[in-house]
């Protein structure tokens, strides 16, 4: 086995994908900006609501979902 082959078989750090679902645009932007600084985060998707979140979940299947939900009710 060559040195290149050996290096390719050694597992590296885990790479994580994240979906951010937050209604407030400023907070959503801040969270995604912060996540971009984390070396182990490979992909970040962001949206503001459950309809878009369902579509992104089905399409990308992220490892982690960051959200704050109201349960569909507003007082």
PDB file of N, CA and C in Angstrom:
ATOM      1  N   UNK A   1       0.856  -1.178   0.000  1.00  0.00           N
ATOM      2  CA  UNK A   1       0.000   0.000   0.000  1.00  0.00           C
ATOM      3  C   UNK A   1       0.897   1.235   0.000  1.00  0.00           C
ATOM      4  N   UNK A   2       0.585   2.179  -0.883  1.00  0.00           N
ATOM      5  CA  UNK A   2       1.369   3.404  -0.948  1.00  0.00           C
ATOM      6  C   UNK A   2       0.940   4.362   0.150  1.00  0.00           C
ATOM      7  N   UNK A   3       1.746   5.376   0.352  1.00  0.00           N
ATOM      8  CA  UNK A   3       1.425   6.370   1.384  1.00  0.00           C
ATOM      9  C   UNK A   3       0.096   7.069   1.092  1.00  0.00           C
ATOM     10  N   UNK A   4      -0.197   7.371  -0.174  1.00  0.00           N
ATOM     11  CA  UNK A   4      -1.452   8.020  -0.557  1.00  0.00           C
ATOM     12  C   UNK A   4      -2.638   7.129  -0.243  1.00  0.00           C
ATOM     13  N   UNK A   5      -2.521   5.841  -0.536  1.00  0.00           N
ATOM     14  CA  UNK A   5      -3.605   4.913  -0.250  1.00  0.00           C
ATOM     15  C   UNK A   5      -3.844   4.805   1.253  1.00  0.00           C
ATOM     16  N   UNK A   6      -2.785   4.766   2.032  1.00  0.00           N
ATOM     17  CA  UNK A   6      -2.924   4.659   3.480  1.00  0.00           C
ATOM     18  C   UNK A   6      -3.631   5.893   4.038  1.00  0.00           C
ATOM     19  N   UNK A   7      -3.263   7.061   3.544  1.00  0.00           N
ATOM     20  CA  UNK A   7      -3.885   8.293   4.030  1.00  0.00           C
ATOM     21  C   UNK A   7      -5.367   8.330   3.680  1.00  0.00           C
ATOM     22  N   UNK A   8      -5.732   7.781   2.549  1.00  0.00           N
ATOM     23  CA  UNK A   8      -7.130   7.801   2.122  1.00  0.00           C
ATOM     24  C   UNK A   8      -7.999   6.873   2.961  1.00  0.00           C
ATOM     25  N   UNK A   9      -7.413   5.861   3.584  1.00  0.00           N
ATOM     26  CA  UNK A   9      -8.201   4.915   4.356  1.00  0.00           C
ATOM     27  C   UNK A   9      -8.355   5.322   5.819  1.00  0.00           C
ATOM     28  N   UNK A  10      -7.584   6.291   6.258  1.00  0.00           N
ATOM     29  CA  UNK A  10      -7.674   6.749   7.644  1.00  0.00           C
ATOM     30  C   UNK A  10      -8.853   7.707   7.766  1.00  0.00           C
ATOM     31  N   UNK A  11      -9.809   7.399   8.646  1.00  0.00           N
ATOM     32  CA  UNK A  11     -10.963   8.284   8.772  1.00  0.00           C
ATOM     33  C   UNK A  11     -10.571   9.642   9.336  1.00  0.00           C
ATOM     34  N   UNK A  12     -11.160  10.681   8.799  1.00  0.00           N
ATOM     35  CA  UNK A  12     -10.917  12.036   9.271  1.00  0.00           C
ATOM     36  C   UNK A  12     -11.993  12.443  10.255  1.00  0.00           C
ATOM     37  N   UNK A  13     -12.012  13.716  10.603  1.00  0.00           N
ATOM     38  CA  UNK A  13     -13.037  14.195  11.528  1.00  0.00           C
ATOM     39  C   UNK A  13     -14.418  14.085  10.895  1.00  0.00           C
ATOM     40  N   UNK A  14     -15.400  13.879  11.727  1.00  0.00           N
ATOM     41  CA  UNK A  14     -16.778  13.768  11.239  1.00  0.00           C
ATOM     42  C   UNK A  14     -17.191  15.077  10.576  1.00  0.00           C
ATOM     43  N   UNK A  15     -17.900  14.973   9.481  1.00  0.00           N
ATOM     44  CA  UNK A  15     -18.394  16.141   8.764  1.00  0.00           C
ATOM     45  C   UNK A  15     -19.907  16.169   8.921  1.00  0.00           C
ATOM     46  N   UNK A  16     -20.440  17.269   9.383  1.00  0.00           N
ATOM     47  CA  UNK A  16     -21.843  17.376   9.752  1.00  0.00           C
ATOM     48  C   UNK A  16     -22.575  18.345   8.831  1.00  0.00           C
ATOM     49  N   UNK A  17     -23.812  17.996   8.485  1.00  0.00           N
ATOM     50  CA  UNK A  17     -24.660  18.909   7.724  1.00  0.00           C
ATOM     51  C   UNK A  17     -25.773  19.414   8.645  1.00  0.00           C
ATOM     52  N   UNK A  18     -26.138  20.689   8.466  1.00  0.00           N
ATOM     53  CA  UNK A  18     -27.072  21.334   9.391  1.00  0.00           C
ATOM     54  C   UNK A  18     -28.161  22.085   8.614  1.00  0.00           C
ATOM     55  N   UNK A  19     -29.391  21.939   9.078  1.00  0.00           N
ATOM     56  CA  UNK A  19     -30.512  22.734   8.579  1.00  0.00           C
ATOM     57  C   UNK A  19     -30.941  23.676   9.700  1.00  0.00           C
ATOM     58  N   UNK A  20     -30.978  24.968   9.401  1.00  0.00           N
ATOM     59  CA  UNK A  20     -31.390  25.982  10.366  1.00  0.00           C
ATOM     60  C   UNK A  20     -32.780  26.473   9.964  1.00  0.00           C
ATOM     61  N   UNK A  21     -33.750  26.285  10.860  1.00  0.00           N
ATOM     62  CA  UNK A  21     -35.129  26.714  10.601  1.00  0.00           C
ATOM     63  C   UNK A  21     -35.509  27.718  11.688  1.00  0.00           C
ATOM     64  N   UNK A  22     -35.373  28.992  11.356  1.00  0.00           N
ATOM     65  CA  UNK A  22     -35.676  30.052  12.309  1.00  0.00           C
ATOM     66  C   UNK A  22     -36.439  31.152  11.599  1.00  0.00           C
ATOM     67  N   UNK A  23     -37.526  31.577  12.187  1.00  0.00           N
ATOM     68  CA  UNK A  23     -38.395  32.579  11.582  1.00  0.00           C
ATOM     69  C   UNK A  23     -37.726  33.948  11.495  1.00  0.00           C
ATOM     70  N   UNK A  24     -37.011  34.341  12.523  1.00  0.00           N
ATOM     71  CA  UNK A  24     -36.369  35.656  12.568  1.00  0.00           C
ATOM     72  C   UNK A  24     -35.134  35.659  11.665  1.00  0.00           C
ATOM     73  N   UNK A  25     -35.154  36.507  10.645  1.00  0.00           N
ATOM     74  CA  UNK A  25     -34.075  36.525   9.658  1.00  0.00           C
ATOM     75  C   UNK A  25     -32.721  36.890  10.269  1.00  0.00           C
ATOM     76  N   UNK A  26     -32.705  37.840  11.188  1.00  0.00           N
ATOM     77  CA  UNK A  26     -31.455  38.256  11.816  1.00  0.00           C
ATOM     78  C   UNK A  26     -30.836  37.113  12.616  1.00  0.00           C
ATOM     79  N   UNK A  27     -31.644  36.423  13.386  1.00  0.00           N
ATOM     80  CA  UNK A  27     -31.155  35.301  14.184  1.00  0.00           C
ATOM     81  C   UNK A  27     -30.707  34.168  13.262  1.00  0.00           C
ATOM     82  N   UNK A  28     -31.507  33.876  12.237  1.00  0.00           N
ATOM     83  CA  UNK A  28     -31.165  32.815  11.276  1.00  0.00           C
ATOM     84  C   UNK A  28     -29.818  33.114  10.611  1.00  0.00           C
ATOM     85  N   UNK A  29     -29.616  34.370  10.211  1.00  0.00           N
ATOM     86  CA  UNK A  29     -28.352  34.783   9.596  1.00  0.00           C
ATOM     87  C   UNK A  29     -27.185  34.645  10.575  1.00  0.00           C
ATOM     88  N   UNK A  30     -27.413  35.044  11.816  1.00  0.00           N
ATOM     89  CA  UNK A  30     -26.365  34.937  12.830  1.00  0.00           C
ATOM     90  C   UNK A  30     -25.966  33.503  13.104  1.00  0.00           C
ATOM     91  N   UNK A  31     -26.950  32.618  13.196  1.00  0.00           N
ATOM     92  CA  UNK A  31     -26.660  31.202  13.461  1.00  0.00           C
ATOM     93  C   UNK A  31     -25.904  30.585  12.285  1.00  0.00           C
ATOM     94  N   UNK A  32     -26.335  30.865  11.064  1.00  0.00           N
ATOM     95  CA  UNK A  32     -25.640  30.286   9.907  1.00  0.00           C
ATOM     96  C   UNK A  32     -24.222  30.848   9.779  1.00  0.00           C
ATOM     97  N   UNK A  33     -24.052  32.125  10.081  1.00  0.00           N
ATOM     98  CA  UNK A  33     -22.707  32.721  10.051  1.00  0.00           C
ATOM     99  C   UNK A  33     -21.799  32.057  11.076  1.00  0.00           C
ATOM    100  N   UNK A  34     -22.327  31.830  12.267  1.00  0.00           N
ATOM    101  CA  UNK A  34     -21.553  31.155  13.307  1.00  0.00           C
ATOM    102  C   UNK A  34     -21.208  29.725  12.890  1.00  0.00           C
ATOM    103  N   UNK A  35     -22.168  29.014  12.315  1.00  0.00           N
ATOM    104  CA  UNK A  35     -21.915  27.633  11.895  1.00  0.00           C
ATOM    105  C   UNK A  35     -20.848  27.542  10.806  1.00  0.00           C
ATOM    106  N   UNK A  36     -20.747  28.567   9.968  1.00  0.00           N
ATOM    107  CA  UNK A  36     -19.721  28.560   8.909  1.00  0.00           C
ATOM    108  C   UNK A  36     -18.306  28.573   9.478  1.00  0.00           C
ATOM    109  N   UNK A  37     -18.145  28.969  10.731  1.00  0.00           N
ATOM    110  CA  UNK A  37     -16.815  29.007  11.349  1.00  0.00           C
ATOM    111  C   UNK A  37     -16.425  27.665  11.960  1.00  0.00           C
ATOM    112  N   UNK A  38     -17.344  26.712  12.009  1.00  0.00           N
ATOM    113  CA  UNK A  38     -17.086  25.408  12.615  1.00  0.00           C
ATOM    114  C   UNK A  38     -16.500  24.483  11.548  1.00  0.00           C
ATOM    115  N   UNK A  39     -15.265  24.045  11.718  1.00  0.00           N
ATOM    116  CA  UNK A  39     -14.615  23.234  10.686  1.00  0.00           C
ATOM    117  C   UNK A  39     -15.322  21.927  10.360  1.00  0.00           C
ATOM    118  N   UNK A  40     -16.009  21.337  11.315  1.00  0.00           N
ATOM    119  CA  UNK A  40     -16.642  20.043  11.068  1.00  0.00           C
ATOM    120  C   UNK A  40     -17.998  20.156  10.367  1.00  0.00           C
ATOM    121  N   UNK A  41     -18.493  21.375  10.184  1.00  0.00           N
ATOM    122  CA  UNK A  41     -19.770  21.567   9.487  1.00  0.00           C
ATOM    123  C   UNK A  41     -19.482  21.708   7.998  1.00  0.00           C
ATOM    124  N   UNK A  42     -20.032  20.776   7.199  1.00  0.00           N
ATOM    125  CA  UNK A  42     -19.735  20.780   5.763  1.00  0.00           C
ATOM    126  C   UNK A  42     -20.801  21.496   4.949  1.00  0.00           C
ATOM    127  N   UNK A  43     -22.061  21.363   5.322  1.00  0.00           N
ATOM    128  CA  UNK A  43     -23.161  21.969   4.565  1.00  0.00           C
ATOM    129  C   UNK A  43     -24.141  22.624   5.527  1.00  0.00           C
ATOM    130  N   UNK A  44     -24.660  23.792   5.122  1.00  0.00           N
ATOM    131  CA  UNK A  44     -25.656  24.497   5.927  1.00  0.00           C
ATOM    132  C   UNK A  44     -26.778  24.947   4.989  1.00  0.00           C
ATOM    133  N   UNK A  45     -27.995  24.624   5.368  1.00  0.00           N
ATOM    134  CA  UNK A  45     -29.176  25.118   4.662  1.00  0.00           C
ATOM    135  C   UNK A  45     -29.993  25.893   5.679  1.00  0.00           C
ATOM    136  N   UNK A  46     -30.701  26.921   5.216  1.00  0.00           N
ATOM    137  CA  UNK A  46     -31.484  27.737   6.138  1.00  0.00           C
ATOM    138  C   UNK A  46     -32.814  28.121   5.497  1.00  0.00           C
ATOM    139  N   UNK A  47     -33.833  28.190   6.329  1.00  0.00           N
ATOM    140  CA  UNK A  47     -35.154  28.627   5.876  1.00  0.00           C
ATOM    141  C   UNK A  47     -35.909  29.195   7.065  1.00  0.00           C
ATOM    142  N   UNK A  48     -37.089  29.774   6.772  1.00  0.00           N
ATOM    143  CA  UNK A  48     -37.819  30.458   7.833  1.00  0.00           C
ATOM    144  C   UNK A  48     -39.064  29.734   8.323  1.00  0.00           C
ATOM    145  N   UNK A  49     -39.445  28.645   7.674  1.00  0.00           N
ATOM    146  CA  UNK A  49     -40.689  28.017   8.098  1.00  0.00           C
ATOM    147  C   UNK A  49     -40.768  26.538   7.801  1.00  0.00           C
ATOM    148  N   UNK A  50     -41.841  25.905   8.274  1.00  0.00           N
ATOM    149  CA  UNK A  50     -41.975  24.452   8.192  1.00  0.00           C
ATOM    150  C   UNK A  50     -42.154  23.902   6.780  1.00  0.00           C
ATOM    151  N   UNK A  51     -42.791  24.647   5.895  1.00  0.00           N
ATOM    152  CA  UNK A  51     -42.990  24.142   4.529  1.00  0.00           C
ATOM    153  C   UNK A  51     -41.647  23.991   3.829  1.00  0.00           C
ATOM    154  N   UNK A  52     -40.845  25.040   3.858  1.00  0.00           N
ATOM    155  CA  UNK A  52     -39.509  24.977   3.253  1.00  0.00           C
ATOM    156  C   UNK A  52     -38.632  23.973   3.980  1.00  0.00           C
ATOM    157  N   UNK A  53     -38.782  23.877   5.298  1.00  0.00           N
ATOM    158  CA  UNK A  53     -37.986  22.935   6.078  1.00  0.00           C
ATOM    159  C   UNK A  53     -38.258  21.495   5.648  1.00  0.00           C
ATOM    160  N   UNK A  54     -39.522  21.158   5.434  1.00  0.00           N
ATOM    161  CA  UNK A  54     -39.861  19.796   4.990  1.00  0.00           C
ATOM    162  C   UNK A  54     -39.218  19.485   3.645  1.00  0.00           C
ATOM    163  N   UNK A  55     -39.245  20.455   2.739  1.00  0.00           N
ATOM    164  CA  UNK A  55     -38.633  20.253   1.419  1.00  0.00           C
ATOM    165  C   UNK A  55     -37.122  20.056   1.541  1.00  0.00           C
ATOM    166  N   UNK A  56     -36.471  20.898   2.348  1.00  0.00           N
ATOM    167  CA  UNK A  56     -35.026  20.781   2.535  1.00  0.00           C
ATOM    168  C   UNK A  56     -34.649  19.483   3.244  1.00  0.00           C
ATOM    169  N   UNK A  57     -35.459  19.076   4.215  1.00  0.00           N
ATOM    170  CA  UNK A  57     -35.214  17.805   4.902  1.00  0.00           C
ATOM    171  C   UNK A  57     -35.274  16.633   3.928  1.00  0.00           C
ATOM    172  N   UNK A  58     -36.281  16.624   3.086  1.00  0.00           N
ATOM    173  CA  UNK A  58     -36.438  15.530   2.131  1.00  0.00           C
ATOM    174  C   UNK A  58     -35.309  15.518   1.098  1.00  0.00           C
ATOM    175  N   UNK A  59     -34.895  16.690   0.666  1.00  0.00           N
ATOM    176  CA  UNK A  59     -33.878  16.776  -0.375  1.00  0.00           C
ATOM    177  C   UNK A  59     -32.465  16.503   0.143  1.00  0.00           C
ATOM    178  N   UNK A  60     -32.118  17.052   1.308  1.00  0.00           N
ATOM    179  CA  UNK A  60     -30.728  17.022   1.773  1.00  0.00           C
ATOM    180  C   UNK A  60     -30.456  16.071   2.935  1.00  0.00           C
ATOM    181  N   UNK A  61     -31.469  15.708   3.700  1.00  0.00           N
ATOM    182  CA  UNK A  61     -31.326  14.824   4.851  1.00  0.00           C
ATOM    183  C   UNK A  61     -30.162  15.237   5.768  1.00  0.00           C
ATOM    184  N   UNK A  62     -30.251  16.431   6.363  1.00  0.00           N
ATOM    185  CA  UNK A  62     -29.167  16.925   7.221  1.00  0.00           C
ATOM    186  C   UNK A  62     -29.009  16.086   8.484  1.00  0.00           C
ATOM    187  N   UNK A  63     -27.825  16.162   9.070  1.00  0.00           N
ATOM    188  CA  UNK A  63     -27.540  15.435  10.310  1.00  0.00           C
ATOM    189  C   UNK A  63     -28.206  16.109  11.512  1.00  0.00           C
ATOM    190  N   UNK A  64     -28.271  17.448  11.482  1.00  0.00           N
ATOM    191  CA  UNK A  64     -28.789  18.219  12.616  1.00  0.00           C
ATOM    192  C   UNK A  64     -29.779  19.261  12.103  1.00  0.00           C
ATOM    193  N   UNK A  65     -30.854  19.482  12.854  1.00  0.00           N
ATOM    194  CA  UNK A  65     -31.801  20.551  12.559  1.00  0.00           C
ATOM    195  C   UNK A  65     -31.847  21.480  13.764  1.00  0.00           C
ATOM    196  N   UNK A  66     -31.586  22.762  13.517  1.00  0.00           N
ATOM    197  CA  UNK A  66     -31.677  23.783  14.560  1.00  0.00           C
ATOM    198  C   UNK A  66     -32.960  24.555  14.293  1.00  0.00           C
ATOM    199  N   UNK A  67     -33.879  24.542  15.258  1.00  0.00           N
ATOM    200  CA  UNK A  67     -35.139  25.240  15.024  1.00  0.00           C
ATOM    201  C   UNK A  67     -35.754  25.715  16.338  1.00  0.00           C
ATOM    202  N   UNK A  68     -36.676  26.620  16.170  1.00  0.00           N
ATOM    203  CA  UNK A  68     -37.486  27.085  17.288  1.00  0.00           C
ATOM    204  C   UNK A  68     -38.894  27.158  16.744  1.00  0.00           C
ATOM    205  N   UNK A  69     -39.746  26.301  17.215  1.00  0.00           N
ATOM    206  CA  UNK A  69     -41.083  26.253  16.663  1.00  0.00           C
ATOM    207  C   UNK A  69     -42.133  26.689  17.640  1.00  0.00           C
ATOM    208  N   UNK A  70     -43.206  27.240  17.100  1.00  0.00           N
ATOM    209  CA  UNK A  70     -44.311  27.659  17.937  1.00  0.00           C
ATOM    210  C   UNK A  70     -45.418  26.607  17.941  1.00  0.00           C
ATOM    211  N   UNK A  71     -45.212  25.521  17.213  1.00  0.00           N
ATOM    212  CA  UNK A  71     -46.213  24.499  17.142  1.00  0.00           C
ATOM    213  C   UNK A  71     -47.386  24.873  16.240  1.00  0.00           C
ATOM    214  N   UNK A  72     -47.195  25.908  15.431  1.00  0.00           N
ATOM    215  CA  UNK A  72     -48.227  26.321  14.502  1.00  0.00           C
ATOM    216  C   UNK A  72     -49.293  27.218  15.117  1.00  0.00           C
ATOM    217  N   UNK A  73     -49.155  27.551  16.375  1.00  0.00           N
ATOM    218  CA  UNK A  73     -50.143  28.403  17.049  1.00  0.00           C
ATOM    219  C   UNK A  73     -49.522  29.746  17.389  1.00  0.00           C
ATOM    220  N   UNK A  74     -50.311  30.751  17.221  1.00  0.00           N
ATOM    221  CA  UNK A  74     -49.870  32.096  17.622  1.00  0.00           C
ATOM    222  C   UNK A  74     -50.895  32.660  18.574  1.00  0.00           C
ATOM    223  N   UNK A  75     -50.405  33.271  19.629  1.00  0.00           N
ATOM    224  CA  UNK A  75     -51.314  33.858  20.615  1.00  0.00           C
ATOM    225  C   UNK A  75     -51.466  35.326  20.377  1.00  0.00           C
TER     226      UNK A  75
END
